[in-house]
C-alpha cells in the first residue's frame, strides 16, 4: 500500500530588501502628502499630519523627510509624473488622425486643469513665489507640463498637421482649459465650460481642415 504523500509546505514569502522597505515608506508619506495638499493646500499642510495619515511613525517621517518643503516637492513631482504618464498613454492609444487627436487633447487638458492636481500645483506656485520652493515648483512645471504640450504638438505634426497650426491648436486648448479653471477657482461656476469647450472644438476643427 502506497502511503499518501505529505502536502508540501508553502514557500516562505520573500523578504523585502531594505531598499524596498525604504521606498514603500517614502511612497506612503508621498501619497499622504498629496491627500493633505488636496484637502488643506500648502497653508494648512502640517508634516506631522502626513505621518498620521500615512500610518507612519513620526521618527520614520523625520528620517525620510525632515523638512516640509522636501516632502511637498516630492509629492508635486509624483503628481506630475502620474499626469504626464496619463497624457502620454492617451496619445499612444489615439489614432494618428487630427480630429481624433483634437478630441483627445481637449479631454486631456480639461481633466488636468479642472482637477485637483492643477490646483495643488497652482497653489504651490503662488505661495512659493521666488523662494527656493517657488523656483523648484516652476522647474517641475517646466519639465513636465511643457513636455506634455510638446508631446501633443509632435503627435499632431506626425498626423500630417502644419506645425504652426498644430502649435496654435495645442496652446489655445491648454490656455482655454487653464482659463476656465481659474474662473472655477474664483466663482465656483462650471455650467458653461462644456459648451465653451465644444465651441472651441468646432473652431479648432475648422483650423485643422483649413
Protein backbone atom coordinates (compact mmCIF):
# COMPACT_ATOMS: atom_id res chain seq x y z
CA UNK A 1 0.00 0.00 0.00
CA UNK A 2 1.35 3.39 -1.03
CA UNK A 3 1.48 5.93 1.79
CA UNK A 4 -0.26 9.23 0.99
CA UNK A 5 2.17 11.95 0.15
CA UNK A 6 2.50 14.82 2.56
CA UNK A 7 1.42 18.25 1.32
CA UNK A 8 4.32 20.48 0.52
CA UNK A 9 4.94 23.31 2.90
CA UNK A 10 4.26 26.74 1.44
CA UNK A 11 7.38 28.52 0.36
CA UNK A 12 8.29 31.32 2.75
CA UNK A 13 7.38 34.78 1.49
CA UNK A 14 10.32 36.59 0.02
CA UNK A 15 11.66 39.15 2.43
CA UNK A 16 11.70 42.70 1.24
CA UNK A 17 15.08 44.31 0.86
CA UNK A 18 16.00 47.42 2.83
CA UNK A 19 15.72 49.46 -0.36
CA UNK A 20 12.19 48.13 -0.97
CA UNK A 21 11.13 48.92 2.60
CA UNK A 22 12.57 52.41 2.29
CA UNK A 23 10.78 53.03 -0.99
CA UNK A 24 7.48 51.77 0.41
CA UNK A 25 7.81 54.04 3.44
CA UNK A 26 8.60 57.06 1.30
CA UNK A 27 5.69 56.29 -1.03
CA UNK A 28 3.27 56.14 1.90
CA UNK A 29 4.42 59.59 3.00
CA UNK A 30 4.23 60.99 -0.53
CA UNK A 31 0.72 59.60 -1.04
CA UNK A 32 -0.36 61.04 2.31
CA UNK A 33 1.12 64.41 1.40
CA UNK A 34 -0.85 64.52 -1.86
CA UNK A 35 -4.09 63.81 0.01
CA UNK A 36 -3.34 66.50 2.59
CA UNK A 37 -2.36 69.09 -0.04
CA UNK A 38 -5.65 68.46 -1.83
CA UNK A 39 -7.56 68.92 1.40
CA UNK A 40 -5.72 71.82 3.05
CA UNK A 41 -3.34 73.26 0.46
CA UNK A 42 0.13 74.43 1.46
CA UNK A 43 -1.02 76.90 4.14
CA UNK A 44 -2.75 74.17 6.12
CA UNK A 45 -0.17 71.47 5.41
CA UNK A 46 1.44 70.00 8.53
CA UNK A 47 4.07 67.34 8.04
CA UNK A 48 3.13 65.65 11.33
CA UNK A 49 -0.40 65.14 9.97
CA UNK A 50 1.06 63.38 6.95
CA UNK A 51 2.74 60.82 9.20
CA UNK A 52 -0.55 60.15 10.98
CA UNK A 53 -2.46 59.90 7.70
CA UNK A 54 0.11 57.54 6.19
CA UNK A 55 0.28 55.36 9.30
CA UNK A 56 3.98 56.07 9.69
CA UNK A 57 5.82 56.92 12.89
CA UNK A 58 7.00 60.49 13.37
CA UNK A 59 10.55 59.21 13.65
CA UNK A 60 10.34 57.46 10.28
CA UNK A 61 8.78 60.55 8.73
CA UNK A 62 11.56 62.75 10.09
CA UNK A 63 14.17 60.31 8.82
CA UNK A 64 12.84 60.31 5.25
CA UNK A 65 11.58 63.90 5.04
CA UNK A 66 12.97 66.10 7.81
CA UNK A 67 11.69 69.28 6.13
CA UNK A 68 8.18 70.14 4.99
CA UNK A 69 9.17 71.54 1.60
CA UNK A 70 11.20 68.44 0.70
CA UNK A 71 8.08 66.30 1.06
CA UNK A 72 5.93 68.86 -0.77
CA UNK A 73 8.25 68.86 -3.78
CA UNK A 74 8.35 65.05 -3.86
CA UNK A 75 4.54 65.00 -3.75
CA UNK A 76 4.25 67.51 -6.59
CA UNK A 77 6.71 65.58 -8.74
CA UNK A 78 4.71 62.40 -8.12
CA UNK A 79 1.59 64.24 -9.32
CA UNK A 80 3.35 65.48 -12.44
CA UNK A 81 4.77 62.05 -13.22
CA UNK A 82 1.33 60.47 -12.93
CA UNK A 83 -0.45 63.08 -15.03
CA UNK A 84 2.32 63.06 -17.63
CA UNK A 85 2.16 59.27 -17.93
CA UNK A 86 -1.62 59.54 -18.35
CA UNK A 87 -1.25 62.08 -21.16
CA UNK A 88 1.42 60.06 -22.96
CA UNK A 89 -0.72 56.93 -22.69
CA UNK A 90 -3.67 58.81 -24.17
CA UNK A 91 -1.52 59.98 -27.08
CA UNK A 92 -0.20 56.45 -27.68
CA UNK A 93 -3.72 55.00 -27.73
CA UNK A 94 -5.09 57.69 -30.01
CA UNK A 95 -5.35 57.07 -33.74
CA UNK A 96 -2.92 59.22 -35.70
CA UNK A 97 -5.71 61.35 -37.14
CA UNK A 98 -6.01 65.10 -36.48
CA UNK A 99 -9.68 65.04 -35.44
CA UNK A 100 -9.13 62.12 -33.07
CA UNK A 101 -6.15 63.90 -31.58
CA UNK A 102 -8.22 67.05 -31.15
CA UNK A 103 -10.87 65.20 -29.14
CA UNK A 104 -8.17 63.60 -27.03
CA UNK A 105 -6.23 66.79 -26.28
CA UNK A 106 -9.45 68.61 -25.31
CA UNK A 107 -10.30 65.82 -22.87
CA UNK A 108 -6.75 65.63 -21.54
CA UNK A 109 -6.44 69.37 -20.88
CA UNK A 110 -9.89 69.61 -19.32
CA UNK A 111 -9.25 66.71 -16.95
CA UNK A 112 -5.94 68.17 -15.79
CA UNK A 113 -6.80 71.84 -15.45
CA UNK A 114 -10.22 71.34 -13.86
CA UNK A 115 -8.92 68.75 -11.40
CA UNK A 116 -7.23 68.87 -8.00
CA UNK A 117 -3.78 68.12 -9.45
CA UNK A 118 -3.66 71.50 -11.17
CA UNK A 119 -4.99 73.36 -8.14
CA UNK A 120 -2.31 71.81 -5.94
CA UNK A 121 0.42 72.90 -8.37
CA UNK A 122 -1.10 76.37 -8.79
CA UNK A 123 -1.30 76.86 -5.03
CA UNK A 124 2.34 75.87 -4.60
CA UNK A 125 3.43 78.15 -7.43
CA UNK A 126 1.58 81.12 -5.92
CA UNK A 127 2.75 80.67 -2.33
CA UNK A 128 6.29 79.80 -3.40
CA UNK A 129 6.88 82.96 -5.40
CA UNK A 130 10.58 83.47 -5.99
CA UNK A 131 11.62 81.49 -2.93
CA UNK A 132 13.56 78.23 -3.17
CA UNK A 133 10.25 76.36 -3.00
CA UNK A 134 8.74 78.50 -5.75
CA UNK A 135 11.70 78.02 -8.05
CA UNK A 136 11.59 74.25 -7.60
CA UNK A 137 7.85 74.22 -8.32
CA UNK A 138 8.37 76.23 -11.52
CA UNK A 139 11.21 73.94 -12.58
CA UNK A 140 8.96 70.89 -12.18
CA UNK A 141 6.15 72.56 -14.13
CA UNK A 142 8.61 73.45 -16.88
CA UNK A 143 9.99 69.91 -17.03
CA UNK A 144 6.72 68.01 -17.03
CA UNK A 145 3.94 70.25 -18.35
CA UNK A 146 5.92 71.65 -21.27
CA UNK A 147 6.87 68.09 -22.13
CA UNK A 148 3.17 67.20 -22.31
CA UNK A 149 2.47 70.14 -24.61
CA UNK A 150 5.35 69.12 -26.85
CA UNK A 151 4.14 65.52 -26.97
CA UNK A 152 0.71 66.66 -28.19
CA UNK A 153 2.29 69.01 -30.71
CA UNK A 154 4.53 66.23 -32.07
CA UNK A 155 1.51 63.92 -32.34
CA UNK A 156 -0.40 66.46 -34.46
CA UNK A 157 2.61 67.07 -36.71
CA UNK A 158 3.17 63.33 -37.17
CA UNK A 159 -0.52 63.08 -38.17
CA UNK A 160 0.17 65.47 -41.01
CA UNK A 161 -0.78 68.84 -39.50
CA UNK A 162 1.07 72.04 -40.29
CA UNK A 163 3.45 72.66 -37.34
CA UNK A 164 2.35 76.27 -36.79
CA UNK A 165 -1.34 75.37 -36.92
CA UNK A 166 -0.76 72.40 -34.62
CA UNK A 167 1.01 74.63 -32.13
CA UNK A 168 -1.86 77.14 -32.22
CA UNK A 169 -4.40 74.40 -31.50
CA UNK A 170 -2.44 72.78 -28.67
CA UNK A 171 -1.56 76.05 -26.92
CA UNK A 172 -5.05 77.50 -27.29
CA UNK A 173 -6.64 74.30 -26.00
CA UNK A 174 -4.45 74.33 -22.91
CA UNK A 175 -4.91 78.08 -22.42
CA UNK A 176 -8.71 77.87 -22.64
CA UNK A 177 -8.86 74.98 -20.16
CA UNK A 178 -6.46 76.82 -17.84
CA UNK A 179 -8.54 79.99 -18.03
CA UNK A 180 -11.76 78.11 -17.25
CA UNK A 181 -10.00 76.55 -14.28
CA UNK A 182 -9.13 79.98 -12.87
CA UNK A 183 -12.75 81.08 -13.34
CA UNK A 184 -13.89 77.99 -11.45
CA UNK A 185 -11.48 78.90 -8.66
CA UNK A 186 -12.90 82.43 -8.47
CA UNK A 187 -16.62 81.77 -8.84
CA UNK A 188 -17.13 78.02 -8.45
CA UNK A 189 -19.17 78.06 -11.64
CA UNK A 190 -18.68 75.31 -14.23
CA UNK A 191 -22.00 75.04 -16.07
CA UNK A 192 -20.78 76.82 -19.21
CA UNK A 193 -17.49 75.01 -19.56
CA UNK A 194 -18.72 72.03 -21.56
CA UNK A 195 -20.49 74.30 -24.07
CA UNK A 196 -17.49 76.61 -24.43
CA UNK A 197 -15.11 73.72 -24.97
CA UNK A 198 -17.43 72.28 -27.62
CA UNK A 199 -17.45 75.68 -29.31
CA UNK A 200 -13.66 75.75 -29.28
CA UNK A 201 -13.55 72.20 -30.66
CA UNK A 202 -15.67 73.26 -33.66
CA UNK A 203 -13.39 76.23 -34.30
CA UNK A 204 -10.32 74.02 -33.98
CA UNK A 205 -11.80 71.56 -36.48
CA UNK A 206 -12.11 74.41 -38.96
CA UNK A 207 -8.48 75.33 -38.36
CA UNK A 208 -7.46 71.73 -39.00
CA UNK A 209 -9.49 71.46 -42.18
CA UNK A 210 -8.36 74.89 -43.40
